Structure formats: structure tokens, C-alpha cells
Protein backbone atom coordinates (compact mmCIF):
# COMPACT_ATOMS: atom_id res chain seq x y z
CA UNK A 1 1.44 49.56 -6.39
CA UNK A 2 1.25 52.86 -4.51
CA UNK A 3 -2.69 54.24 -4.21
CA UNK A 4 -1.63 57.67 -5.24
CA UNK A 5 0.06 56.10 -9.11
CA UNK A 6 -2.61 56.89 -11.39
CA UNK A 7 -1.34 54.73 -13.84
CA UNK A 8 -1.02 52.01 -11.47
CA UNK A 9 -3.04 48.34 -12.43
CA UNK A 10 -6.03 47.31 -9.86
CA UNK A 11 -4.41 45.83 -6.78
CA UNK A 12 -6.14 42.73 -5.59
CA UNK A 13 -5.62 40.97 -2.00
CA UNK A 14 -2.63 39.09 -2.83
CA UNK A 15 -0.40 41.84 -4.59
CA UNK A 16 2.86 42.71 -2.63
CA UNK A 17 2.87 46.65 -1.92
CA UNK A 18 5.57 48.28 -4.25
CA UNK A 19 7.53 51.36 -2.42
CA UNK A 20 8.92 54.04 -4.45
CA UNK A 21 12.50 52.69 -3.77
CA UNK A 22 11.48 49.81 -5.57
CA UNK A 23 10.05 51.03 -8.37
CA UNK A 24 12.81 53.80 -8.54
CA UNK A 25 15.66 50.22 -9.00
CA UNK A 26 13.52 47.98 -10.69
CA UNK A 27 13.21 50.87 -13.53
CA UNK A 28 17.26 51.18 -13.74
CA UNK A 29 20.96 49.22 -15.16
CA UNK A 30 18.88 47.51 -17.80
CA UNK A 31 20.14 46.47 -21.25
CA UNK A 32 19.25 48.10 -24.42
CA UNK A 33 16.31 45.40 -25.97
CA UNK A 34 17.86 44.31 -28.81
CA UNK A 35 15.91 45.43 -32.03
CA UNK A 36 14.03 42.78 -34.69
CA UNK A 37 14.19 42.72 -37.98
CA UNK A 38 12.19 40.55 -40.61
CA UNK A 39 8.53 40.50 -41.24
CA UNK A 40 5.63 38.02 -40.29
CA UNK A 41 5.55 34.86 -42.33
CA UNK A 42 3.02 35.38 -45.25
CA UNK A 43 3.24 38.94 -44.94
CA UNK A 44 2.59 39.66 -48.61
CA UNK A 45 -0.40 37.07 -48.52
CA UNK A 46 -2.22 39.36 -45.62
CA UNK A 47 -1.26 42.58 -47.60
CA UNK A 48 -3.47 41.26 -50.20
CA UNK A 49 -6.16 40.32 -48.40
CA UNK A 50 -5.96 43.89 -47.03
CA UNK A 51 -6.11 45.13 -50.72
CA UNK A 52 -8.66 42.80 -51.83
CA UNK A 53 -10.78 44.37 -49.10
CA UNK A 54 -10.28 47.41 -49.73
CA UNK A 55 -11.57 47.13 -53.26
CA UNK A 56 -14.88 45.73 -51.99
CA UNK A 57 -15.25 48.66 -49.78
CA UNK A 58 -14.26 51.72 -51.88
CA UNK A 59 -14.20 55.50 -49.37
CA UNK A 60 -14.83 53.64 -46.05
CA UNK A 61 -13.12 53.35 -43.19
CA UNK A 62 -12.77 49.58 -41.83
CA UNK A 63 -12.59 48.36 -38.48
CA UNK A 64 -11.18 45.03 -37.60
CA UNK A 65 -10.53 44.21 -33.86
CA UNK A 66 -8.70 40.95 -32.61
CA UNK A 67 -10.70 41.10 -29.46
CA UNK A 68 -9.29 40.26 -25.66
CA UNK A 69 -8.37 37.79 -22.97
CA UNK A 70 -11.12 35.96 -21.78
CA UNK A 71 -11.93 35.05 -17.78
CA UNK A 72 -11.74 31.22 -17.17
CA UNK A 73 -12.00 32.03 -13.36
CA UNK A 74 -12.02 35.26 -11.28
CA UNK A 75 -8.07 36.61 -11.85
CA UNK A 76 -6.95 33.62 -14.48
CA UNK A 77 -7.69 33.96 -18.25
CA UNK A 78 -7.97 31.25 -21.26
CA UNK A 79 -5.18 31.59 -22.87
CA UNK A 80 -5.89 34.06 -25.87
CA UNK A 81 -6.32 32.99 -29.75
CA UNK A 82 -6.85 35.91 -31.90
CA UNK A 83 -10.24 36.53 -34.01
CA UNK A 84 -10.00 34.79 -37.21
CA UNK A 85 -10.44 37.51 -39.87
CA UNK A 86 -8.07 39.74 -37.71
CA UNK A 87 -5.22 37.02 -37.80
CA UNK A 88 -6.09 36.27 -41.85
CA UNK A 89 -5.40 40.00 -42.52
CA UNK A 90 -2.44 40.96 -40.27
CA UNK A 91 -0.88 37.61 -39.03
CA UNK A 92 -1.02 38.87 -35.45
CA UNK A 93 -1.44 36.75 -32.20
CA UNK A 94 -1.42 39.75 -29.94
CA UNK A 95 -4.27 40.26 -27.85
CA UNK A 96 -5.93 44.15 -27.78
CA UNK A 97 -5.16 44.81 -31.37
CA UNK A 98 -7.23 46.65 -33.61
CA UNK A 99 -6.59 46.78 -37.55
CA UNK A 100 -8.06 49.69 -39.19
CA UNK A 101 -8.03 50.81 -42.84
CA UNK A 102 -8.72 54.58 -43.62
CA UNK A 103 -9.31 55.56 -47.05
CA UNK A 104 -6.67 57.20 -49.12
CA UNK A 105 -6.70 58.29 -52.70
CA UNK A 106 -8.26 55.31 -54.33
CA UNK A 107 -7.41 52.59 -51.55
CA UNK A 108 -6.79 52.45 -47.61
CA UNK A 109 -4.07 52.88 -45.58
CA UNK A 110 -3.39 50.00 -43.20
CA UNK A 111 -2.93 51.17 -39.47
CA UNK A 112 -2.25 48.73 -36.59
CA UNK A 113 -3.42 49.99 -33.38
CA UNK A 114 -1.27 47.88 -30.70
CA UNK A 115 -0.18 47.62 -27.27
CA UNK A 116 3.03 49.79 -26.86
CA UNK A 117 6.36 48.26 -25.30
CA UNK A 118 8.08 50.73 -23.16
CA UNK A 119 10.40 48.35 -22.31
CA UNK A 120 11.70 48.60 -18.67
CA UNK A 121 11.94 52.09 -18.16
CA UNK A 122 8.41 52.12 -17.09
CA UNK A 123 7.44 50.14 -13.81
CA UNK A 124 4.20 48.08 -15.50
CA UNK A 125 7.04 45.77 -16.59
CA UNK A 126 6.80 44.19 -13.22
CA UNK A 127 3.83 45.62 -11.66
CA UNK A 128 1.11 44.88 -14.08
CA UNK A 129 0.04 41.29 -14.09
CA UNK A 130 -2.22 41.42 -17.02
CA UNK A 131 0.55 43.05 -19.98
CA UNK A 132 3.93 43.13 -17.89
CA UNK A 133 6.86 41.91 -19.46
CA UNK A 134 7.89 40.30 -16.50
CA UNK A 135 4.26 38.76 -16.21
CA UNK A 136 3.41 37.77 -19.51
CA UNK A 137 6.22 38.42 -21.95
CA UNK A 138 7.25 41.33 -23.89
CA UNK A 139 4.80 42.68 -26.25
CA UNK A 140 6.32 43.62 -30.27
CA UNK A 141 5.13 47.10 -29.27
CA UNK A 142 4.48 50.35 -32.26
CA UNK A 143 7.58 50.58 -34.33
CA UNK A 144 8.14 47.14 -34.38
CA UNK A 145 4.97 45.85 -35.30
CA UNK A 146 4.43 48.33 -38.31
CA UNK A 147 7.18 46.62 -39.64
CA UNK A 148 6.73 42.96 -38.92
CA UNK A 149 3.04 43.11 -39.80
CA UNK A 150 3.89 45.32 -43.13
CA UNK A 151 1.42 47.69 -42.12
CA UNK A 152 1.46 51.25 -43.86
CA UNK A 153 1.59 52.39 -39.77
CA UNK A 154 1.21 51.28 -36.97
CA UNK A 155 -0.28 53.73 -33.25
CA UNK A 156 0.07 52.94 -29.53
CA UNK A 157 -3.78 51.26 -28.64
CA UNK A 158 -4.37 54.46 -26.96
CA UNK A 159 -4.87 56.79 -29.87
CA UNK A 160 -7.76 54.49 -31.10
CA UNK A 161 -10.63 55.69 -29.32
CA UNK A 162 -9.31 59.53 -30.55
CA UNK A 163 -9.54 58.10 -34.17
CA UNK A 164 -12.91 55.99 -33.59
CA UNK A 165 -14.49 59.40 -32.23
CA UNK A 166 -13.16 61.52 -35.33
CA UNK A 167 -13.95 58.79 -38.48
CA UNK A 168 -14.33 60.41 -41.31
CA UNK A 169 -17.03 59.91 -43.55
CA UNK A 170 -19.01 56.00 -43.48
CA UNK A 171 -17.23 53.39 -41.44
CA UNK A 172 -17.99 49.54 -40.75
CA UNK A 173 -16.95 47.08 -38.30
CA UNK A 174 -16.58 43.63 -37.13
CA UNK A 175 -18.69 43.52 -34.17
CA UNK A 176 -18.87 41.37 -31.19
CA UNK A 177 -14.83 41.08 -30.36
CA UNK A 178 -14.15 44.39 -28.42
CA UNK A 179 -16.65 45.95 -26.28
CA UNK A 180 -14.35 49.24 -26.24
CA UNK A 181 -14.94 49.31 -30.07
CA UNK A 182 -18.69 48.36 -30.23
CA UNK A 183 -19.93 50.89 -27.27
CA UNK A 184 -17.84 53.84 -29.46
CA UNK A 185 -19.47 53.29 -32.59
CA UNK A 186 -23.08 53.90 -33.65
CA UNK A 187 -24.75 50.08 -34.52
CA UNK A 188 -25.64 50.14 -38.29
CA UNK A 189 -27.04 46.56 -38.22
CA UNK A 190 -27.24 45.76 -41.86
CA UNK A 191 -24.01 47.56 -42.99
CA UNK A 192 -21.86 45.77 -40.01
CA UNK A 193 -23.67 42.39 -41.09
CA UNK A 194 -22.72 42.60 -44.70
CA UNK A 195 -19.08 43.84 -43.63
CA UNK A 196 -18.96 40.46 -41.61
CA UNK A 197 -20.33 38.17 -44.25
CA UNK A 198 -17.83 39.78 -47.22
CA UNK A 199 -15.12 38.86 -44.52
CA UNK A 200 -16.11 35.52 -44.21
CA UNK A 201 -16.57 34.59 -48.01
CA UNK A 202 -12.80 36.38 -48.96
CA UNK A 203 -12.08 32.79 -47.03
CA UNK A 204 -14.34 30.42 -48.87
CA UNK A 205 -11.37 29.60 -51.76
CA UNK A 206 -7.84 28.83 -50.16
CA UNK A 207 -4.25 29.76 -51.76
CA UNK A 208 -1.67 27.35 -52.47
CA UNK A 209 -0.26 28.43 -49.04
CA UNK A 210 -3.44 27.86 -47.15
CA UNK A 211 -3.71 24.41 -48.40
CA UNK A 212 -0.05 23.94 -47.34
CA UNK A 213 -0.67 24.82 -43.97
CA UNK A 214 -3.93 22.27 -43.60
CA UNK A 215 -1.59 19.85 -45.28
CA UNK A 216 0.42 20.34 -41.82
CA UNK A 217 -1.89 20.30 -39.62
CA UNK A 218 -3.42 17.24 -41.10
CA UNK A 219 0.00 15.28 -40.60
CA UNK A 220 0.41 16.52 -37.25
CA UNK A 221 -3.23 15.17 -36.33
CA UNK A 222 -2.34 12.03 -38.16
CA UNK A 223 0.77 11.47 -35.39
CA UNK A 224 -1.91 12.77 -32.53
CA UNK A 225 -4.29 9.93 -33.61
CA UNK A 226 -1.34 7.36 -33.49
CA UNK A 227 0.07 8.69 -30.23
CA UNK A 228 -3.79 8.22 -28.75
CA UNK A 229 -3.94 3.92 -30.19
CA UNK A 230 -0.43 3.56 -28.66
CA UNK A 231 -2.18 4.54 -25.08
CA UNK A 232 -5.03 2.66 -26.09
CA UNK A 233 -4.15 -0.67 -24.61
CA UNK A 234 -3.70 0.59 -20.79
CA UNK A 235 -5.84 3.95 -21.36
CA UNK A 236 -8.11 3.80 -18.55
CA UNK A 237 -10.57 7.11 -19.19
CA UNK A 238 -11.51 9.45 -22.33
CA UNK A 239 -9.53 12.21 -20.58
CA UNK A 240 -6.23 10.69 -21.25
CA UNK A 241 -6.93 10.03 -24.99
CA UNK A 242 -7.75 13.97 -24.92
CA UNK A 243 -4.50 14.49 -22.90
CA UNK A 244 -2.25 12.57 -25.08
CA UNK A 245 -3.84 14.25 -28.07
CA UNK A 246 -3.78 17.62 -26.59
CA UNK A 247 0.14 16.98 -25.93
CA UNK A 248 0.87 16.66 -29.56
CA UNK A 249 -1.40 19.59 -30.27
CA UNK A 250 0.86 21.81 -27.90
CA UNK A 251 4.04 20.07 -29.28
CA UNK A 252 3.47 20.94 -32.91
CA UNK A 253 1.04 23.50 -33.17
CA UNK A 254 -0.84 26.44 -31.32
CA UNK A 255 -3.66 24.13 -29.85
CA UNK A 256 -6.47 21.81 -30.69
CA UNK A 257 -8.57 23.58 -33.12
CA UNK A 258 -11.70 22.78 -30.90
CA UNK A 259 -12.48 20.69 -27.94
CA UNK A 260 -11.58 17.28 -28.70
CA UNK A 261 -13.97 14.70 -28.81
CA UNK A 262 -12.83 11.34 -27.10
CA UNK A 263 -16.28 9.22 -26.84
CA UNK A 264 -16.05 5.72 -25.89
CA UNK A 265 -19.24 3.67 -26.39
CA UNK A 266 -22.31 4.81 -26.50
CA UNK A 267 -20.90 8.47 -25.92
CA UNK A 268 -20.15 8.18 -29.77
CA UNK A 269 -24.24 8.58 -29.75
CA UNK A 270 -23.66 11.92 -28.73
CA UNK A 271 -22.10 14.13 -31.51
CA UNK A 272 -20.14 16.74 -29.34
CA UNK A 273 -19.22 14.81 -26.65
CA UNK A 274 -16.20 16.77 -24.71
CA UNK A 275 -16.96 15.64 -21.39
CA UNK A 276 -14.61 13.00 -21.95
CA UNK A 277 -14.98 11.21 -19.01
CA UNK A 278 -16.11 7.72 -19.66
CA UNK A 279 -14.30 4.65 -18.91
CA UNK A 280 -12.48 2.98 -21.83
CA UNK A 281 -13.77 -0.43 -22.26
CA UNK A 282 -11.68 -3.30 -24.62
CA UNK A 283 -14.92 -4.26 -26.95
CA UNK A 284 -16.20 -0.67 -27.27
CA UNK A 285 -15.24 1.68 -30.04
CA UNK A 286 -13.82 5.24 -29.62
CA UNK A 287 -15.03 8.06 -31.56
CA UNK A 288 -11.97 10.42 -31.52
CA UNK A 289 -12.75 13.96 -33.40
CA UNK A 290 -9.80 15.72 -33.15
CA UNK A 291 -7.74 18.46 -35.19
CA UNK A 292 -4.36 20.32 -34.47
CA UNK A 293 -4.31 23.88 -34.94
CA UNK A 294 -1.16 24.85 -36.46
CA UNK A 295 1.08 27.46 -35.12
CA UNK A 296 -0.51 29.77 -38.60
CA UNK A 297 -4.04 28.97 -36.82
CA UNK A 298 -5.18 26.43 -39.61
CA UNK A 299 -6.82 23.71 -38.24
CA UNK A 300 -7.38 19.52 -39.50
CA UNK A 301 -10.87 18.48 -38.32
CA UNK A 302 -10.54 14.73 -38.90
CA UNK A 303 -12.90 11.95 -37.13
CA UNK A 304 -11.71 8.28 -36.92
CA UNK A 305 -13.72 5.40 -35.34
CA UNK A 306 -11.40 3.03 -33.68
CA UNK A 307 -12.03 -0.77 -31.90
CA UNK A 308 -10.18 -0.43 -28.77
CA UNK A 309 -9.26 -3.42 -28.71
CA UNK A 310 -7.52 -3.79 -31.75
CA UNK A 311 -10.50 -5.76 -34.06
CA UNK A 312 -14.37 -4.60 -34.94
CA UNK A 313 -17.49 -6.87 -34.28
CA UNK A 314 -19.32 -7.91 -36.63
CA UNK A 315 -21.96 -5.49 -35.82
CA UNK A 316 -19.61 -2.78 -35.11
CA UNK A 317 -18.01 -3.99 -39.00
CA UNK A 318 -21.26 -3.08 -40.85
CA UNK A 319 -21.83 -0.05 -38.98
CA UNK A 320 -19.17 0.98 -40.06
CA UNK A 321 -18.67 -0.26 -43.59
CA UNK A 322 -21.79 1.38 -44.28
CA UNK A 323 -20.74 4.87 -42.93
CA UNK A 324 -17.69 4.59 -45.09
CA UNK A 325 -19.80 3.76 -48.13
CA UNK A 326 -21.71 6.88 -47.83
CA UNK A 327 -18.50 9.01 -47.26
CA UNK A 328 -17.01 7.66 -50.73
CA UNK A 329 -20.38 8.68 -52.29
CA UNK A 330 -20.04 12.29 -50.52
CA UNK A 331 -16.35 12.13 -52.42
CA UNK A 332 -17.97 11.64 -55.28
CA UNK A 333 -20.16 14.45 -55.46
CA UNK A 334 -17.48 17.09 -54.39
CA UNK A 335 -16.40 18.73 -57.99
CA UNK A 336 -16.76 22.67 -59.14
CA UNK A 337 -20.03 23.66 -60.24
CA UNK A 338 -21.85 20.95 -57.91
CA UNK A 339 -24.32 22.58 -54.87
CA UNK A 340 -22.45 22.31 -52.06
CA UNK A 341 -24.89 20.24 -50.36
CA UNK A 342 -24.78 17.57 -53.24
CA UNK A 343 -22.07 15.55 -51.35
CA UNK A 344 -24.48 15.05 -48.33
CA UNK A 345 -27.43 14.32 -50.47
CA UNK A 346 -25.61 11.47 -51.85
CA UNK A 347 -23.78 10.54 -48.79
CA UNK A 348 -27.67 10.31 -47.07
CA UNK A 349 -28.95 8.01 -50.00
CA UNK A 350 -26.77 5.67 -48.97
CA UNK A 351 -27.43 5.80 -45.76
CA UNK A 352 -30.82 5.29 -46.03
CA UNK A 353 -30.54 2.37 -48.26
CA UNK A 354 -28.53 0.77 -45.96
CA UNK A 355 -31.20 1.18 -43.05
CA UNK A 356 -33.88 0.05 -44.49
CA UNK A 357 -31.51 -3.49 -45.08
CA UNK A 358 -30.97 -3.30 -41.38
CA UNK A 359 -34.76 -3.30 -41.09
CA UNK A 360 -34.21 0.17 -39.29
CA UNK A 361 -35.82 1.86 -41.95
CA UNK A 362 -39.41 0.74 -43.81
CA UNK A 363 -38.92 2.62 -47.07
CA UNK A 364 -35.66 4.74 -47.43
CA UNK A 365 -37.17 6.84 -50.42
CA UNK A 366 -40.01 7.39 -48.69
CA UNK A 367 -37.80 8.30 -45.25
CA UNK A 368 -35.48 10.41 -47.65
CA UNK A 369 -38.70 12.94 -48.53
CA UNK A 370 -38.42 16.69 -47.64
CA UNK A 371 -41.37 16.33 -45.39
CA UNK A 372 -40.17 13.11 -43.52
CA UNK A 373 -36.39 12.92 -43.12
CA UNK A 374 -36.99 10.32 -40.74
CA UNK A 375 -33.40 8.74 -41.31
CA UNK A 376 -32.13 11.65 -39.53
CA UNK A 377 -32.97 10.06 -36.00
CA UNK A 378 -29.76 7.83 -36.44
CA UNK A 379 -27.57 10.20 -38.32
CA UNK A 380 -28.64 14.04 -36.84
CA UNK A 381 -26.25 16.07 -39.42
CA UNK A 382 -25.27 17.58 -42.59
CA UNK A 383 -21.69 15.98 -43.83
CA UNK A 384 -20.16 19.05 -44.96
CA UNK A 385 -19.12 22.38 -43.31
CA UNK A 386 -15.90 24.73 -44.62
CA UNK A 387 -12.54 24.37 -42.91
CA UNK A 388 -9.72 26.73 -42.49
CA UNK A 389 -9.06 28.80 -39.73
CA UNK A 390 -11.66 28.12 -37.63
CA UNK A 391 -12.72 24.71 -37.54
CA UNK A 392 -16.52 25.46 -38.76
CA UNK A 393 -15.06 28.02 -41.08
CA UNK A 394 -16.42 31.03 -42.87
CA UNK A 395 -19.42 30.33 -40.25
CA UNK A 396 -20.67 34.53 -41.33
CA UNK A 397 -21.36 33.74 -45.45
CA UNK A 398 -24.19 34.45 -46.86
CA UNK A 399 -26.43 30.96 -46.92
CA UNK A 400 -26.42 31.87 -51.40
CA UNK A 401 -22.48 31.67 -51.32
CA UNK A 402 -22.42 28.84 -48.69
CA UNK A 403 -24.83 26.63 -48.13
CA UNK A 404 -26.95 26.64 -50.83
CA UNK A 405 -23.53 27.99 -53.10
CA UNK A 406 -21.92 26.36 -55.61
CA UNK A 407 -18.69 24.10 -55.02
CA UNK A 408 -15.44 26.27 -56.53
CA UNK A 409 -12.11 24.97 -56.96
CA UNK A 410 -9.75 25.78 -53.99
CA UNK A 411 -12.66 25.65 -51.28
CA UNK A 412 -11.67 22.97 -48.50
CA UNK A 413 -14.51 20.94 -46.40
CA UNK A 414 -15.24 17.80 -44.58
CA UNK A 415 -17.07 14.92 -45.60
CA UNK A 416 -18.27 12.88 -42.23
CA UNK A 417 -21.11 11.16 -42.70
CA UNK A 418 -22.41 9.34 -39.14
CA UNK A 419 -24.65 6.66 -37.84
CA UNK A 420 -25.38 7.01 -34.14
CA UNK A 421 -27.47 4.07 -32.90
CA UNK A 422 -28.82 5.52 -29.17
CA UNK A 423 -28.83 2.72 -26.77
CA UNK A 424 -32.53 3.49 -25.77
CA UNK A 425 -33.80 3.49 -29.24
CA UNK A 426 -36.06 0.65 -29.26
CA UNK A 427 -36.40 1.29 -33.54
CA UNK A 428 -32.71 -0.31 -33.70
CA UNK A 429 -32.34 -3.88 -33.42
CA UNK A 430 -30.39 -4.46 -29.80
CA UNK A 431 -27.01 -5.37 -30.88
CA UNK A 432 -26.53 -2.14 -32.87
CA UNK A 433 -27.88 -0.03 -29.83
CA UNK A 434 -24.78 2.08 -28.36
CA UNK A 435 -22.99 2.01 -31.52
CA UNK A 436 -21.93 5.36 -32.76
CA UNK A 437 -19.70 5.80 -36.21
CA UNK A 438 -17.96 8.79 -37.81
CA UNK A 439 -15.85 8.97 -40.63
CA UNK A 440 -14.38 12.44 -41.11
CA UNK A 441 -11.85 13.68 -43.52
CA UNK A 442 -10.81 17.13 -44.87
CA UNK A 443 -11.30 17.67 -49.03
CA UNK A 444 -9.62 20.31 -51.18
CA UNK A 445 -11.83 20.86 -54.15
CA UNK A 446 -9.75 20.75 -57.32
CA UNK A 447 -10.60 22.32 -60.87
CA UNK A 448 -11.82 18.62 -61.58
CA UNK A 449 -13.00 17.24 -58.69
CA UNK A 450 -11.29 16.58 -55.14
CA UNK A 451 -8.16 15.78 -53.46
CA UNK A 452 -8.40 13.98 -49.78
CA UNK A 453 -5.86 16.13 -48.04
CA UNK A 454 -6.19 13.20 -44.91
CA UNK A 455 -6.20 10.24 -47.36
CA UNK A 456 -2.94 8.94 -45.48
CA UNK A 457 -5.01 8.25 -42.28
CA UNK A 458 -6.25 4.94 -42.80
CA UNK A 459 -10.32 4.91 -42.86
CA UNK A 460 -11.31 1.23 -44.26
CA UNK A 461 -11.87 -1.97 -41.66
CA UNK A 462 -8.84 -3.52 -42.94
CA UNK A 463 -6.47 -0.75 -43.03
CA UNK A 464 -7.55 0.40 -39.36
CA UNK A 465 -6.92 -2.67 -37.67
CA UNK A 466 -3.59 -3.04 -39.72
CA UNK A 467 -2.86 0.62 -38.40
CA UNK A 468 -3.80 0.20 -34.78
CA UNK A 469 -1.23 -2.89 -34.95
CA UNK A 470 1.57 -1.48 -36.83
CA UNK A 471 1.44 1.05 -33.99
CA UNK A 472 1.44 -1.20 -30.69
CA UNK A 473 3.87 -3.30 -32.59
CA UNK A 474 6.20 -0.63 -33.26
CA UNK A 475 5.70 0.91 -29.75
CA UNK A 476 6.56 -2.82 -28.15
CA UNK A 477 10.08 -3.00 -30.57
CA UNK A 478 8.60 -5.60 -32.29
């Protein structure tokens, strides 16, 4: 782009020059773009969520950015994923956008600030590597965004700074997503923190549409697991496993919901093993912790521990069965009115008793005492977290409403006990060392108890072995 053009994006060394004649030629004789119709899926749900947020903060301006693309290396970026709270309130996937709820009457007026789409009448459609239509695809634009996202008003993103400088009265900001917004508005630590907490707490209870989206993501995840099982007979590396599952996630959804854990052998004893650079061996277990994130951004979070050769060894089976028993105890504690931590306490009691039977803990009751917690050497983590748009959903919620709160119908949480016997742990009999097992399901709290949304993915040892054989036989045409 010529240096005397004040609107030109910054050039880099490999950019070609664009003579004025080319600029004129490129902006001539294009067909008029077709106008789109309709509204985003679940527009009514997004509007209802905005009304709920409005009711909680009457008379205050509320500002929720979605965030920006993040640099991966030099001038390349990671694939953009919208901010969770912004998406929850709008349904928009576009980067850079900001939702502002302006006080109006007894409620708020929703104003969505978006990148304009000048079409091909402006040379930036081919000169701007970051936002140009021929580089990254067309943005929806201002009037189209107002209609599509069913907001009261849409404005060009360039108007946002002026509005931020003229805010009437009190305001609250969701911080940490947009430096341009954060830097423009004074920090109000208590008010902004409370705003983020409230946004998280709005998502603690899922409606029927959200549960359907989660169920669809879980169904895709099961197919991804079966893709992996089919590959296991010839797979050489954990990266193959990660890649096979990732194909299903991109084929049927938006992406993986988090970094896939494809941990074989003793790598399964590292809780968040995402290096996935190990070798696949038939005598080992595969701990596969993975989830498809749907196009609606709701994500599954499933773990299955699979015998790579198709059959559990006696030691593997013993450890696996203990974890499965602990998970069943955790399930039984999922019901409205119970503490969020009740499933964890139930599962830990089963694990501790089993570790005593195995000769690893001397005294289960003593190990469970708050001042000891010796069992955690072998299990490390609690068994549950909330699930939804984020794999660790509602993370800004207050402890009294989440970790130390009560379970309510409509909440969705994981139940995922595990045992991890480190290969160098001398407190563990040699035959168990290097075995890591986790079993994780996604559970809906119902008015009378729970429903395991991922119950269709086999989990007991015999069912897992049959499942693997069935997948292999189907792949071989038997």
C-alpha cells in the first residue's frame, strides 16, 4: 500500500506494492452483495440472557468485549474463539466486537459494536491482511449484525471509543479481553470483579437448549473416540491419536474443547499431558481425555482409559475397577440440595478404602482426615467441575455459589475420579507403578437426582473390551 495512504495497514517486507491504478481497478465492477435474512440460532435465548443481566444491574452501563485474535508467531494468529460471556449474550463468533448495554427506561438498550463491511468499494478488502475480505473472509457488517443477532442497535467499531469517553453514570466492564476497552476505562476492581462473577453465575444452570447442545457434543465425542479406537491397532504415536480425534472435532464441530490428552503408559500419570509425543505400545493403557466443542461452543469433556491391545491386564483391571467404583459412588451423590463437593467426598472414600486393600495406604480413615489427605498422593484432583461453554465453566463464580454451593437442577458437571501411580513411587507395589486411570462422564442434575449424558460411551471393563472389538470388527468388515 502506498506510504501516503493514511488508512493503509502496516506493511511487512513480503507485501507487494499497490499502485494507484491497481487500487482503482480492484474497486470497480463488482456485483452488489446479496442481503442475508434470518437471525442467529437461539436468538431468543441470547436476548433473554441479556434481559436477565439487565435486571441485575439497573441503571448501569454494562460492557462485554469478545476479545481479539492472538498472535501465534510473528504475523500468524491462533484460530479465534469468541469470549464465552460475550457469546452467551449474543451468539456472535466475530473477533473484536463489543456488547454494550446502555440504561434505557426500566431496562437497557443492547448495542453491538462490530467491524463494518464496506464490501469491495474500499481497497482494504484486498490490502488488509488482518481484516480484508479476500484475506480472511467477509465480516457480517453493521446493519446485518443488528438484524442477525437481534440486538436493539449495531454501530461501527470505530464509534466505540467515543462512547466509552461519554459513559453516563455508573458502569461495569468484563476485564481482560480487550486492552482497548480496559485502557479507556478506569479500573473499579470490586465492581468489575462482581460483574464477572455474576456473568459466570448466570451460566450455572443450563436450559433445555443448552443440554441439547451438550448432548450433541457428547455424541460427536463418542464418534471421535471410536475413530481413535479404530486407529489404535496401527497407531505409533500419541500425536496420531490427538490428530485423529481432532479431525472429528473439526469435521462435526468448531474445534476441540481443550487440548486433547492422549496419554499412554506412564504419561497417564501426568494429569494434563498434552505434549502427546509418546510411543503407543500394545501392553499399555491409553488415557484419552478429549471433547468436541460444537458449533454452538458447548463442549463435551470425556475421559476413557482404554487397553491399547484390547484387553486389560490383571493389574490394570484392578486399578480401573476401583476408579469405576469410585465414580459410581460419586454419581450417587449428585442430587439437588447436596453440596457441590458431595460427589468428591463419596468418590474419595471409595478410593481410600481401595488403596488400603491394595496395601498402599495403611489406614483409609486416617488418610481421609482433613489434616492428612494422604490419599491425594495417588489421585491429586477433585472429581467435578462445571461444564458448558467452557470446559471449566463458570470459573469466575463465587466460591459460595460454586465450590461450596448446593447442586441445583439444570447444573451440568463432570464426575471424574482417577488414580495415578507414578513410575517412581516406592509406596506403590511395583506391578501397579506407571498405571494411570481416569474415567470421566458429563452429568446433568435433575429434579430428583442425575442423568449421565455420556452413559452411551462404554465404561465398565467388559463393555470397554467389547466396544473396542466391535469397532475393530466393523472397520475390518467382519
